[in-house]
């Protein structure tokens, strides 16, 4: 998208607030009008007060000057307040649209983009966009009008001398054009670097224990400093471009002004212009320097904003998850069928799953076992459509899941994984998160916690259910976090359950308690279990051994032990390790 189209798109976010924006523009116009009025007052002030000694000018002209500055102050306040009001609204709307889109993006987007870069779009980039969408317009309008007003007054006083100022326009345009292109490139690189350093900080915070235990402080400090210095270097390049831009333009401006001063002095000595006209002309042309400088500087802000806007709009324009289904499932029985399922990750030519066929009865518990990287997690992720199969289809109660609305499909699936995600809120709020539609009361939350064997430790907290658990449950043990997650899944009361190595990170004592909670959770539900510890899935209705993306064995625990294949080897290896 070129700069013009990009800026027009930005201004569309201002349009809903056009009335307030128009008031700001009116204030800007009024403020700009006061600028040429100042040199215009100097002419009569000098000619009437000091040359002709007119006594009326002694009172009238200072009073007019005072009123002029009062009007200037009021206009400035109205302009600045209104534009800030619009700017904060634009930022709020942009962030909302970005966050709404973020919620609809497929899993692959988060796999391919670091969280640091995504966060930088919401924090750093959107602020630059705000400046480009609002402040730039006001500054350009204000300073353009000031320049036009001052030039018009100068032409009125002495058009021959004023024409000299037009000589600086071609070189000024060339300078601005060159630095615009350079600033845009540098801004892109700077924004990417800010995203990278945000990611490093985030990783250092979330991985603080790992960094300490493995002595990674120096490595992390080096990694951070490398990016920190990279950003410093880019900021210096931006500073050089910005610092050169303004003085070069000012040199052209002062050169033109010097020529005017020289010839105006000759005319004054020859008596062709009065003292008042001479001072007014020089003042008007001298006042041009500030708005020219601001317009040159605003170009830096504009290029930063346009580069940031490209990044923001890339997120907004990302394609959401495919959700073309129209079927709404009210109360599914929980019959699931994987029909000839194959899956290949985007950008890869190596299939992860090959011709998977599984038929699962309602209420049946299916365990998936096998070596790491065999495709177990990918397979269960196809059910809630975090990924879509490359070939084949998945049926829920005989209906293709692609024909089902995503929100309806996921409403009937609960999930407990190995890496539990909890929110920086109370215990009660984290459990209630599982029932977004029903808004459970305290009794329902307490009942879910009891069934998950979580109530026994929750009641020991000083604030009970109202205890804040910290970011991602940092104040809880691994077993406690797991039981909170099970309570969250229980309160959802979904007919289908996915357990992805839900006990693999627990010690033996915690595992026993969590296993009891999981048995309660699985009761009466169609369950898909991925298990690392095979002792936890011995009672599954069926166990599927998956290797290299294919189902190589299927049967009960005893049947697979008798088969003496993949499952039996894994089971015996774990038994030897345990003994």
Protein backbone atom coordinates (compact mmCIF):
# COMPACT_ATOMS: atom_id res chain seq x y z
CA UNK A 1 0.00 0.00 0.00
CA UNK A 2 1.45 3.40 -0.98
CA UNK A 3 1.71 6.32 1.44
CA UNK A 4 -1.37 8.08 0.08
CA UNK A 5 -3.67 5.05 0.40
CA UNK A 6 -2.22 4.24 3.80
CA UNK A 7 -2.87 7.74 5.10
CA UNK A 8 -6.40 7.84 3.68
CA UNK A 9 -7.11 4.58 5.50
CA UNK A 10 -5.75 6.10 8.71
CA UNK A 11 -8.00 9.13 8.37
CA UNK A 12 -11.05 6.85 8.19
CA UNK A 13 -10.52 6.19 11.89
CA UNK A 14 -10.80 9.94 12.50
CA UNK A 15 -14.02 10.31 10.49
CA UNK A 16 -16.44 9.08 13.25
CA UNK A 17 -15.24 12.03 15.34
CA UNK A 18 -15.28 14.57 12.52
CA UNK A 19 -17.29 17.14 14.51
CA UNK A 20 -14.69 17.37 17.28
CA UNK A 21 -11.94 17.20 14.67
CA UNK A 22 -13.60 20.09 12.79
CA UNK A 23 -13.66 22.17 16.00
CA UNK A 24 -9.95 21.45 16.40
CA UNK A 25 -9.36 22.56 12.80
CA UNK A 26 -11.31 25.78 13.42
CA UNK A 27 -9.15 26.47 16.47
CA UNK A 28 -6.09 25.74 14.35
CA UNK A 29 -7.24 28.12 11.61
CA UNK A 30 -7.91 30.85 14.19
CA UNK A 31 -4.47 30.31 15.72
CA UNK A 32 -2.81 30.40 12.29
CA UNK A 33 -4.61 33.65 11.46
CA UNK A 34 -2.97 35.39 14.43
CA UNK A 35 0.54 34.74 13.09
CA UNK A 36 0.52 37.19 10.12
CA UNK A 37 -1.51 39.60 12.28
CA UNK A 38 1.55 40.21 14.47
CA UNK A 39 3.83 41.68 11.76
CA UNK A 40 0.77 43.46 10.38
CA UNK A 41 0.44 45.28 13.74
CA UNK A 42 4.13 46.15 13.77
CA UNK A 43 3.83 48.38 10.68
CA UNK A 44 1.30 50.87 12.15
CA UNK A 45 2.93 50.55 15.59
CA UNK A 46 6.26 51.80 14.24
CA UNK A 47 4.96 54.25 11.64
CA UNK A 48 2.24 55.85 13.80
CA UNK A 49 3.88 55.71 17.22
CA UNK A 50 7.54 56.40 16.47
CA UNK A 51 7.48 58.20 13.13
CA UNK A 52 4.26 60.28 12.95
CA UNK A 53 3.88 60.41 16.79
CA UNK A 54 0.12 59.60 16.60
CA UNK A 55 -1.17 59.59 20.26
CA UNK A 56 -4.14 57.31 19.41
CA UNK A 57 -1.74 54.56 18.37
CA UNK A 58 -0.15 54.57 21.85
CA UNK A 59 -3.37 53.11 23.37
CA UNK A 60 -5.05 51.35 20.46
CA UNK A 61 -2.14 49.27 19.12
CA UNK A 62 -0.89 47.76 22.45
CA UNK A 63 -4.54 46.92 23.29
CA UNK A 64 -4.97 45.17 19.94
CA UNK A 65 -1.72 43.28 20.54
CA UNK A 66 -2.97 42.09 23.94
CA UNK A 67 -6.34 40.98 22.51
CA UNK A 68 -4.50 39.19 19.71
CA UNK A 69 -2.52 37.06 22.17
CA UNK A 70 -5.63 36.29 24.26
CA UNK A 71 -7.41 35.07 21.12
CA UNK A 72 -4.30 33.12 20.16
CA UNK A 73 -4.23 31.36 23.56
CA UNK A 74 -7.94 30.41 23.42
CA UNK A 75 -7.60 29.08 19.87
CA UNK A 76 -4.51 27.06 20.85
CA UNK A 77 -6.31 25.46 23.82
CA UNK A 78 -9.37 24.49 21.76
CA UNK A 79 -7.21 23.05 19.00
CA UNK A 80 -4.93 21.03 21.31
CA UNK A 81 -7.69 19.71 23.60
CA UNK A 82 -9.96 18.59 20.75
CA UNK A 83 -7.17 16.90 18.79
CA UNK A 84 -6.02 15.00 21.90
CA UNK A 85 -9.62 13.86 22.47
CA UNK A 86 -9.81 12.56 18.91
CA UNK A 87 -6.34 10.97 19.13
CA UNK A 88 -7.16 8.95 22.26
CA UNK A 89 -10.40 7.76 20.62
CA UNK A 90 -8.53 6.67 17.50
CA UNK A 91 -6.03 4.71 19.61
CA UNK A 92 -8.85 3.05 21.54
CA UNK A 93 -10.69 2.08 18.33
CA UNK A 94 -7.53 0.78 16.68
CA UNK A 95 -6.60 -1.33 19.69
CA UNK A 96 -10.12 -2.72 19.92
CA UNK A 97 -10.13 -3.67 16.23
CA UNK A 98 -6.67 -5.21 16.59
CA UNK A 99 -7.67 -7.21 19.67
CA UNK A 100 -10.93 -8.36 18.10
CA UNK A 101 -9.00 -9.60 15.07
CA UNK A 102 -6.38 -11.23 17.31
CA UNK A 103 -9.14 -13.29 18.94
CA UNK A 104 -10.20 -14.70 15.57
CA UNK A 105 -6.77 -15.59 14.17
CA UNK A 106 -5.83 -19.23 13.59
CA UNK A 107 -3.35 -21.08 15.80
CA UNK A 108 -0.77 -20.93 13.01
CA UNK A 109 -0.53 -17.13 13.35
CA UNK A 110 0.64 -17.39 16.97
CA UNK A 111 3.06 -20.17 16.03
CA UNK A 112 4.67 -17.98 13.34
CA UNK A 113 4.74 -14.62 15.19
CA UNK A 114 6.47 -13.92 18.49
CA UNK A 115 4.39 -12.55 21.34
CA UNK A 116 6.86 -9.65 21.68
CA UNK A 117 6.19 -8.44 18.13
CA UNK A 118 2.44 -8.76 18.62
CA UNK A 119 2.54 -6.83 21.91
CA UNK A 120 4.69 -4.10 20.30
CA UNK A 121 1.94 -3.51 17.74
CA UNK A 122 -0.52 -2.75 20.57
CA UNK A 123 1.84 -0.57 22.62
CA UNK A 124 4.61 1.09 20.61
CA UNK A 125 3.28 1.04 17.04
CA UNK A 126 -0.25 2.21 17.75
CA UNK A 127 1.06 5.36 19.49
CA UNK A 128 3.04 6.26 16.38
CA UNK A 129 -0.08 5.68 14.28
CA UNK A 130 -2.03 8.06 16.55
CA UNK A 131 0.49 10.84 15.92
CA UNK A 132 0.31 10.29 12.16
CA UNK A 133 -3.50 10.21 12.09
CA UNK A 134 -4.19 13.33 14.15
CA UNK A 135 -1.23 15.49 15.20
CA UNK A 136 0.28 15.51 11.72
CA UNK A 137 -2.95 16.82 10.17
CA UNK A 138 -3.29 19.64 12.68
CA UNK A 139 0.37 20.63 12.41
CA UNK A 140 0.34 20.57 8.61
CA UNK A 141 -2.90 22.59 8.46
CA UNK A 142 -1.74 25.11 11.06
CA UNK A 143 1.74 25.65 9.69
CA UNK A 144 0.63 25.62 6.05
CA UNK A 145 -1.90 28.35 6.83
CA UNK A 146 0.72 30.31 8.78
CA UNK A 147 3.15 30.07 5.84
CA UNK A 148 0.43 31.07 3.36
CA UNK A 149 -0.69 33.95 5.59
CA UNK A 150 2.82 35.28 6.15
CA UNK A 151 3.72 34.97 2.46
CA UNK A 152 0.47 36.67 1.44
CA UNK A 153 1.16 39.57 3.80
CA UNK A 154 4.77 39.80 2.62
CA UNK A 155 3.63 39.82 -1.03
CA UNK A 156 1.12 42.54 -0.15
CA UNK A 157 3.89 44.67 1.38
CA UNK A 158 6.51 44.09 -1.33
CA UNK A 159 5.82 41.42 -3.94
CA UNK A 160 9.17 41.81 -5.73
CA UNK A 161 11.26 40.99 -2.66
CA UNK A 162 8.85 38.32 -1.40
CA UNK A 163 9.21 36.33 -4.62
CA UNK A 164 12.80 35.56 -3.57
CA UNK A 165 11.43 33.18 -0.92
CA UNK A 166 9.97 30.94 -3.65
CA UNK A 167 13.51 30.13 -4.78
CA UNK A 168 13.98 27.84 -1.75
CA UNK A 169 10.97 25.62 -2.56
CA UNK A 170 12.58 23.20 -5.10
CA UNK A 171 15.66 22.35 -2.97
CA UNK A 172 13.48 22.11 0.15
CA UNK A 173 11.16 19.62 -1.59
CA UNK A 174 14.13 17.48 -2.67
CA UNK A 175 15.56 17.39 0.86
CA UNK A 176 12.20 16.43 2.41
CA UNK A 177 11.62 13.73 -0.23
CA UNK A 178 15.02 12.12 0.38
CA UNK A 179 14.70 12.09 4.16
CA UNK A 180 11.10 10.79 3.95
CA UNK A 181 12.21 7.62 2.19
CA UNK A 182 15.10 7.10 4.61
CA UNK A 183 12.94 7.69 7.70
CA UNK A 184 10.35 5.16 6.49
CA UNK A 185 12.99 2.43 6.10
CA UNK A 186 14.59 3.17 9.46
CA UNK A 187 11.21 3.25 11.21
CA UNK A 188 10.34 -0.24 9.92
CA UNK A 189 13.61 -1.63 11.28
CA UNK A 190 13.22 0.19 14.59
CA UNK A 191 9.69 -1.14 15.15
CA UNK A 192 10.83 -4.71 14.44
CA UNK A 193 13.66 -4.29 16.96
CA UNK A 194 11.25 -2.99 19.63
CA UNK A 195 9.15 -6.13 19.09
CA UNK A 196 12.25 -8.30 19.50
CA UNK A 197 13.34 -6.62 22.74
CA UNK A 198 9.79 -6.92 24.12
CA UNK A 199 9.97 -10.66 23.41
CA UNK A 200 13.32 -11.00 25.20
CA UNK A 201 12.03 -9.12 28.27
CA UNK A 202 8.89 -11.26 28.32
CA UNK A 203 10.95 -14.46 28.13
CA UNK A 204 13.27 -13.23 30.89
CA UNK A 205 10.29 -12.57 33.17
CA UNK A 206 8.43 -15.82 32.48
CA UNK A 207 11.63 -17.90 32.55
CA UNK A 208 13.25 -16.25 35.58
CA UNK A 209 13.58 -19.55 37.50
CA UNK A 210 15.13 -21.40 34.55
CA UNK A 211 17.56 -18.52 33.97
CA UNK A 212 18.67 -18.59 37.62
CA UNK A 213 18.98 -22.37 37.94
CA UNK A 214 20.93 -22.77 34.69
CA UNK A 215 23.06 -19.68 35.28
CA UNK A 216 21.77 -17.99 32.16
CA UNK A 217 22.01 -14.43 33.51
CA UNK A 218 25.07 -13.52 31.41
CA UNK A 219 23.61 -15.09 28.28
CA UNK A 220 20.31 -13.22 28.71
CA UNK A 221 22.12 -9.97 29.54
CA UNK A 222 24.22 -10.33 26.37
CA UNK A 223 21.15 -11.13 24.29
CA UNK A 224 19.27 -8.15 25.72
CA UNK A 225 22.20 -5.76 25.34
CA UNK A 226 22.71 -6.79 21.72
CA UNK A 227 19.11 -5.81 20.91
CA UNK A 228 19.31 -2.78 23.20
CA UNK A 229 22.37 -1.52 21.33
CA UNK A 230 20.72 -2.36 18.00
CA UNK A 231 17.78 -0.12 18.93
CA UNK A 232 20.19 2.62 20.09
CA UNK A 233 21.98 2.49 16.73
CA UNK A 234 18.72 2.73 14.81
CA UNK A 235 17.56 5.61 17.00
CA UNK A 236 20.84 7.39 16.27
CA UNK A 237 20.33 6.85 12.53
CA UNK A 238 16.83 8.32 12.92
CA UNK A 239 18.30 11.20 14.95
CA UNK A 240 20.93 11.90 12.25
CA UNK A 241 18.30 11.94 9.51
CA UNK A 242 16.01 14.14 11.60
CA UNK A 243 18.81 16.46 12.73
CA UNK A 244 20.15 17.00 9.20
CA UNK A 245 16.70 17.49 7.71
CA UNK A 246 15.81 20.63 9.65
CA UNK A 247 19.10 22.62 9.48
CA UNK A 248 19.50 22.01 5.72
CA UNK A 249 16.02 23.43 5.11
CA UNK A 250 16.77 26.30 7.51
CA UNK A 251 19.95 27.17 5.59
CA UNK A 252 17.87 27.60 2.42
CA UNK A 253 15.34 29.69 4.36
CA UNK A 254 17.95 31.97 5.95
CA UNK A 255 19.74 32.38 2.60
CA UNK A 256 16.52 33.64 1.01
CA UNK A 257 15.83 35.88 4.03
CA UNK A 258 19.35 37.36 3.86
CA UNK A 259 18.85 38.30 0.21
CA UNK A 260 15.54 39.96 1.09
CA UNK A 261 17.10 41.87 4.02
CA UNK A 262 19.89 43.16 1.77
CA UNK A 263 17.61 44.50 -0.95
CA UNK A 264 15.02 45.76 1.55
CA UNK A 265 17.77 47.75 3.30
CA UNK A 266 18.69 49.35 -0.03
CA UNK A 267 15.03 50.28 -0.65
CA UNK A 268 14.72 51.69 2.88
CA UNK A 269 17.80 53.87 2.41
CA UNK A 270 16.38 55.09 -0.89
CA UNK A 271 13.12 56.00 0.88
CA UNK A 272 11.07 53.56 -1.19
CA UNK A 273 9.62 51.83 1.93
CA UNK A 274 8.90 53.10 5.45
CA UNK A 275 10.54 51.85 8.62
CA UNK A 276 7.28 50.10 9.57
CA UNK A 277 7.05 48.36 6.19
CA UNK A 278 10.69 47.28 6.40
CA UNK A 279 10.36 45.80 9.93
CA UNK A 280 6.97 44.20 9.12
CA UNK A 281 8.37 42.58 5.95
CA UNK A 282 11.49 41.23 7.67
CA UNK A 283 9.42 40.01 10.66
CA UNK A 284 6.90 38.24 8.40
CA UNK A 285 9.66 36.47 6.49
CA UNK A 286 11.60 35.66 9.69
CA UNK A 287 8.46 34.13 11.22
CA UNK A 288 8.38 31.72 8.27
CA UNK A 289 11.36 29.87 9.76
CA UNK A 290 9.43 28.25 12.65
CA UNK A 291 6.51 26.78 10.65
CA UNK A 292 8.91 25.59 7.93
CA UNK A 293 10.98 23.89 10.64
CA UNK A 294 7.89 22.25 12.20
CA UNK A 295 6.61 21.01 8.84
CA UNK A 296 10.04 19.54 8.11
CA UNK A 297 10.05 17.84 11.52
CA UNK A 298 6.48 16.57 11.18
CA UNK A 299 7.61 14.61 8.16
CA UNK A 300 9.72 12.47 10.52
CA UNK A 301 6.64 11.76 12.68
CA UNK A 302 4.58 11.04 9.57
CA UNK A 303 7.05 8.47 8.20
CA UNK A 304 7.30 6.74 11.58
CA UNK A 305 3.51 6.66 11.78
CA UNK A 306 3.08 5.28 8.27
CA UNK A 307 5.63 2.53 8.92
CA UNK A 308 3.79 1.67 12.16
CA UNK A 309 0.44 1.78 10.35
CA UNK A 310 1.65 -0.85 7.88
CA UNK A 311 2.47 -3.12 10.82
CA UNK A 312 -0.88 -2.47 12.54
CA UNK A 313 -2.90 -3.00 9.37
CA UNK A 314 -1.02 -6.23 8.66
CA UNK A 315 -2.55 -7.58 11.87
CA UNK A 316 -6.01 -6.16 11.16
CA UNK A 317 -5.92 -7.59 7.61
CA UNK A 318 -4.86 -11.08 8.69
CA UNK A 319 -7.36 -13.71 7.56
CA UNK A 320 -9.39 -15.03 10.51
CA UNK A 321 -10.02 -18.70 11.15
CA UNK A 322 -12.17 -20.33 8.50
CA UNK A 323 -15.68 -20.41 9.94
CA UNK A 324 -18.04 -21.05 7.05
CA UNK A 325 -20.14 -23.66 8.88
CA UNK A 326 -23.78 -22.92 9.64
CA UNK A 327 -24.76 -25.93 11.78
CA UNK A 328 -25.34 -25.22 15.46
CA UNK A 329 -25.03 -28.25 17.74
CA UNK A 330 -27.41 -28.05 20.67
CA UNK A 331 -26.76 -31.22 22.73
CA UNK A 332 -24.28 -33.57 21.06
CA UNK A 333 -24.08 -37.20 22.17
CA UNK A 334 -20.33 -37.13 21.67
CA UNK A 335 -19.84 -39.65 18.86
CA UNK A 336 -16.62 -38.78 17.01
CA UNK A 337 -15.25 -40.20 13.79
CA UNK A 338 -11.92 -39.40 12.12
CA UNK A 339 -12.31 -40.36 8.45
CA UNK A 340 -9.12 -40.76 6.35
CA UNK A 341 -7.45 -37.84 8.13
CA UNK A 342 -4.12 -36.55 6.85
CA UNK A 343 -2.44 -33.32 7.91
CA UNK A 344 0.60 -31.35 6.76
CA UNK A 345 1.75 -28.15 8.45
CA UNK A 346 1.59 -25.00 6.30
CA UNK A 347 4.85 -24.49 4.42
CA UNK A 348 5.99 -28.08 4.96
CA UNK A 349 5.91 -30.97 2.50
CA UNK A 350 6.17 -33.68 5.17
CA UNK A 351 2.78 -35.00 6.41
CA UNK A 352 2.34 -35.18 10.19
CA UNK A 353 -0.66 -37.56 9.99
CA UNK A 354 -1.42 -40.24 7.39
CA UNK A 355 -4.88 -41.73 6.70
CA UNK A 356 -6.11 -41.76 10.30
CA UNK A 357 -9.41 -43.61 10.85
CA UNK A 358 -10.93 -43.73 14.33
CA UNK A 359 -14.53 -44.24 15.41
CA UNK A 360 -15.30 -43.23 19.00
CA UNK A 361 -18.61 -44.03 20.69
CA UNK A 362 -20.33 -41.53 22.97
CA UNK A 363 -18.85 -41.73 26.47
CA UNK A 364 -15.87 -43.82 25.34
CA UNK A 365 -12.37 -43.08 26.64
CA UNK A 366 -9.64 -43.29 24.00
CA UNK A 367 -5.97 -43.02 24.98
CA UNK A 368 -3.29 -42.00 22.49
CA UNK A 369 0.26 -43.18 23.19
CA UNK A 370 3.51 -43.28 21.28
CA UNK A 371 6.89 -41.61 20.88
CA UNK A 372 7.21 -37.81 20.90
CA UNK A 373 6.58 -36.16 17.54
CA UNK A 374 4.31 -38.99 16.40
CA UNK A 375 1.33 -36.68 15.80
CA UNK A 376 -0.79 -37.27 18.93
CA UNK A 377 -1.25 -33.60 19.88
CA UNK A 378 -1.81 -32.59 16.26
CA UNK A 379 -4.58 -35.20 16.00
CA UNK A 380 -6.53 -33.97 19.04
CA UNK A 381 -6.04 -30.34 17.93
CA UNK A 382 -7.95 -31.16 14.74
CA UNK A 383 -11.13 -31.87 16.72
CA UNK A 384 -11.73 -28.28 17.98
CA UNK A 385 -10.37 -27.10 14.60
CA UNK A 386 -7.27 -25.38 15.88
CA UNK A 387 -6.01 -26.85 12.60
CA UNK A 388 -8.01 -28.08 9.62
CA UNK A 389 -7.14 -31.48 8.10
CA UNK A 390 -5.32 -31.46 4.78
CA UNK A 391 -7.43 -34.43 3.69
CA UNK A 392 -10.37 -36.33 5.14
CA UNK A 393 -13.03 -35.16 7.58
CA UNK A 394 -14.00 -35.32 11.24
CA UNK A 395 -17.61 -36.10 12.16
CA UNK A 396 -19.35 -35.15 15.40
CA UNK A 397 -22.62 -37.05 15.73
CA UNK A 398 -22.42 -37.63 11.98
CA UNK A 399 -21.95 -33.93 11.11
CA UNK A 400 -18.73 -32.71 9.46
CA UNK A 401 -17.07 -30.33 11.94
CA UNK A 402 -16.31 -27.96 9.02
CA UNK A 403 -20.08 -27.55 8.57
CA UNK A 404 -20.43 -26.56 12.22
CA UNK A 405 -20.02 -23.02 13.53
CA UNK A 406 -16.73 -22.80 15.41
CA UNK A 407 -18.27 -21.27 18.53
CA UNK A 408 -20.87 -24.06 18.65
CA UNK A 409 -18.27 -26.81 18.14
CA UNK A 410 -15.89 -25.52 20.82
CA UNK A 411 -18.73 -24.92 23.26
CA UNK A 412 -19.00 -28.70 23.67
CA UNK A 413 -15.28 -29.43 24.19
CA UNK A 414 -13.32 -29.06 27.44
CA UNK A 415 -9.52 -29.15 27.55
CA UNK A 416 -6.87 -29.79 30.20
CA UNK A 417 -3.26 -29.76 29.04
CA UNK A 418 0.22 -30.24 30.41
CA UNK A 419 1.01 -26.52 30.29
CA UNK A 420 -1.80 -24.95 32.28
CA UNK A 421 -2.75 -21.36 31.49
CA UNK A 422 -4.32 -19.51 34.40
CA UNK A 423 -5.15 -15.81 34.61
CA UNK A 424 -3.94 -13.20 37.08
CA UNK A 425 -7.23 -13.19 38.96
CA UNK A 426 -8.93 -14.95 41.87
CA UNK A 427 -9.31 -18.71 42.21
CA UNK A 428 -13.08 -18.33 41.73
CA UNK A 429 -12.69 -16.27 38.55
CA UNK A 430 -10.31 -18.84 37.05
CA UNK A 431 -12.70 -21.71 37.72
CA UNK A 432 -15.72 -19.72 36.48
CA UNK A 433 -13.82 -18.94 33.25
CA UNK A 434 -14.88 -22.37 32.01
CA UNK A 435 -18.54 -21.37 31.94
CA UNK A 436 -18.62 -18.10 29.99
CA UNK A 437 -22.28 -18.48 28.99
CA UNK A 438 -23.91 -19.66 32.22
CA UNK A 439 -22.17 -17.27 34.66
CA UNK A 440 -21.95 -19.83 37.50
CA UNK A 441 -22.80 -18.84 41.08
CA UNK A 442 -20.62 -19.45 44.14
CA UNK A 443 -22.21 -22.84 44.84
CA UNK A 444 -21.48 -24.11 41.30
CA UNK A 445 -17.87 -22.91 41.55
CA UNK A 446 -17.46 -24.55 44.94
CA UNK A 447 -18.99 -27.81 43.67
CA UNK A 448 -16.60 -27.90 40.69
CA UNK A 449 -13.63 -27.27 43.00
CA UNK A 450 -14.77 -30.07 45.31
CA UNK A 451 -15.10 -32.59 42.46
CA UNK A 452 -11.64 -31.57 41.23
CA UNK A 453 -10.18 -32.18 44.73
CA UNK A 454 -9.19 -28.51 44.79
CA UNK A 455 -11.44 -27.34 47.62
CA UNK A 456 -9.19 -28.98 50.20
CA UNK A 457 -6.31 -26.57 49.48
CA UNK A 458 -8.44 -23.57 48.45
CA UNK A 459 -10.07 -23.47 51.91
CA UNK A 460 -6.61 -23.19 53.49
CA UNK A 461 -5.94 -19.90 51.69
CA UNK A 462 -6.59 -16.81 53.87
CA UNK A 463 -8.99 -15.41 51.26
CA UNK A 464 -10.33 -18.75 50.06
CA UNK A 465 -11.95 -18.51 46.64
CA UNK A 466 -11.05 -14.81 46.48
CA UNK A 467 -7.31 -15.50 46.64
CA UNK A 468 -5.32 -13.89 43.84
CA UNK A 469 -3.15 -16.58 42.23
CA UNK A 470 -0.69 -14.34 40.34
CA UNK A 471 0.33 -14.40 36.70
CA UNK A 472 -0.33 -17.89 35.30
CA UNK A 473 -0.95 -19.18 38.85
CA UNK A 474 2.61 -18.50 39.99
CA UNK A 475 1.53 -18.67 43.66
CA UNK A 476 0.21 -22.21 43.26
CA UNK A 477 2.02 -25.54 43.03
CA UNK A 478 1.91 -27.57 39.80
CA UNK A 479 -0.66 -29.95 41.29
CA UNK A 480 -2.82 -27.06 42.50
CA UNK A 481 -2.75 -25.40 39.09
CA UNK A 482 -3.73 -28.69 37.48
CA UNK A 483 -6.71 -29.15 39.82
CA UNK A 484 -7.89 -25.57 39.19
CA UNK A 485 -7.77 -26.36 35.46
CA UNK A 486 -9.77 -29.55 36.04
CA UNK A 487 -12.37 -27.58 38.03
CA UNK A 488 -12.54 -25.12 35.13
CA UNK A 489 -13.19 -28.00 32.72
CA UNK A 490 -15.76 -29.54 35.08
CA UNK A 491 -17.80 -26.35 35.36
CA UNK A 492 -18.02 -26.17 31.57
CA UNK A 493 -19.81 -29.53 31.67
CA UNK A 494 -18.92 -30.30 28.04
CA UNK A 495 -19.70 -33.77 26.61
CA UNK A 496 -16.24 -34.06 24.99
CA UNK A 497 -12.97 -33.89 26.90
CA UNK A 498 -9.37 -33.57 25.68
CA UNK A 499 -6.58 -34.36 28.16
CA UNK A 500 -3.12 -33.66 26.75
CA UNK A 501 -0.55 -35.17 29.15
CA UNK A 502 -2.44 -33.60 32.05
CA UNK A 503 -0.35 -35.35 34.76
CA UNK A 504 3.08 -35.66 33.15
CA UNK A 505 4.62 -32.74 35.05
CA UNK A 506 3.40 -33.85 38.51
CA UNK A 507 5.08 -35.73 41.32
CA UNK A 508 3.65 -39.11 42.36
CA UNK A 509 1.64 -37.75 45.30
CA UNK A 510 0.09 -34.91 43.30
CA UNK A 511 -0.58 -37.27 40.40
CA UNK A 512 -2.71 -39.55 42.58
CA UNK A 513 -4.96 -36.67 43.65
CA UNK A 514 -5.16 -35.23 40.12
CA UNK A 515 -5.89 -38.69 38.71
CA UNK A 516 -8.90 -38.98 41.02
CA UNK A 517 -10.10 -35.58 39.80
CA UNK A 518 -9.60 -36.63 36.17
CA UNK A 519 -11.64 -39.80 36.69
CA UNK A 520 -14.49 -37.64 37.97
CA UNK A 521 -14.05 -35.33 34.99
CA UNK A 522 -14.07 -38.19 32.44
CA UNK A 523 -17.21 -39.79 33.85
CA UNK A 524 -19.99 -39.80 31.23
CA UNK A 525 -17.89 -37.90 28.69
CA UNK A 526 -16.25 -38.83 25.40
CA UNK A 527 -12.58 -38.49 26.29
CA UNK A 528 -9.40 -38.26 24.25
CA UNK A 529 -6.31 -38.77 26.42
CA UNK A 530 -2.69 -38.23 25.49
CA UNK A 531 -0.59 -39.95 28.12
CA UNK A 532 3.10 -39.95 28.90
CA UNK A 533 2.74 -42.09 32.01
CA UNK A 534 1.08 -45.23 30.68
CA UNK A 535 0.01 -46.34 34.15
CA UNK A 536 -2.59 -43.55 34.09
CA UNK A 537 -4.46 -44.91 31.05
CA UNK A 538 -4.65 -48.64 31.83
CA UNK A 539 -8.41 -48.36 32.36
CA UNK A 540 -9.09 -46.60 29.03
CA UNK A 541 -11.72 -48.28 26.84
CA UNK A 542 -9.25 -48.31 23.98
CA UNK A 543 -5.60 -47.45 23.54
CA UNK A 544 -4.20 -46.32 20.18
CA UNK A 545 -0.45 -46.44 19.59
CA UNK A 546 0.63 -43.75 17.11
CA UNK A 547 4.04 -43.63 15.44
CA UNK A 548 5.17 -41.51 12.49
CA UNK A 549 1.66 -40.14 12.03
CA UNK A 550 -0.02 -43.55 11.71
CA UNK A 551 -2.06 -45.75 14.04
CA UNK A 552 0.09 -48.85 14.44
CA UNK A 553 -1.81 -50.59 17.27
CA UNK A 554 -5.30 -50.51 18.76
CA UNK A 555 -6.83 -52.37 21.70
CA UNK A 556 -7.22 -52.51 25.46
CA UNK A 557 -4.30 -52.43 27.87
CA UNK A 558 -4.20 -56.23 28.24
CA UNK A 559 -4.66 -56.83 24.50
CA UNK A 560 -1.75 -54.56 23.59
CA UNK A 561 0.51 -56.14 26.20
CA UNK A 562 -0.22 -59.54 24.66
CA UNK A 563 0.51 -58.11 21.20
CA UNK A 564 4.01 -57.25 22.46
CA UNK A 565 4.41 -54.32 20.06
CA UNK A 566 5.01 -50.56 20.43
CA UNK A 567 2.74 -50.14 23.46
CA UNK A 568 4.16 -53.17 25.26
CA UNK A 569 7.74 -51.94 24.76
CA UNK A 570 6.88 -48.45 26.07
CA UNK A 571 5.01 -49.91 29.05
CA UNK A 572 7.80 -52.33 30.01
CA UNK A 573 10.42 -49.59 29.65
CA UNK A 574 8.49 -47.34 32.04
CA UNK A 575 7.95 -50.22 34.48
CA UNK A 576 11.71 -50.94 34.56
CA UNK A 577 12.43 -47.23 35.07
CA UNK A 578 9.91 -47.03 37.93
CA UNK A 579 11.41 -50.07 39.66
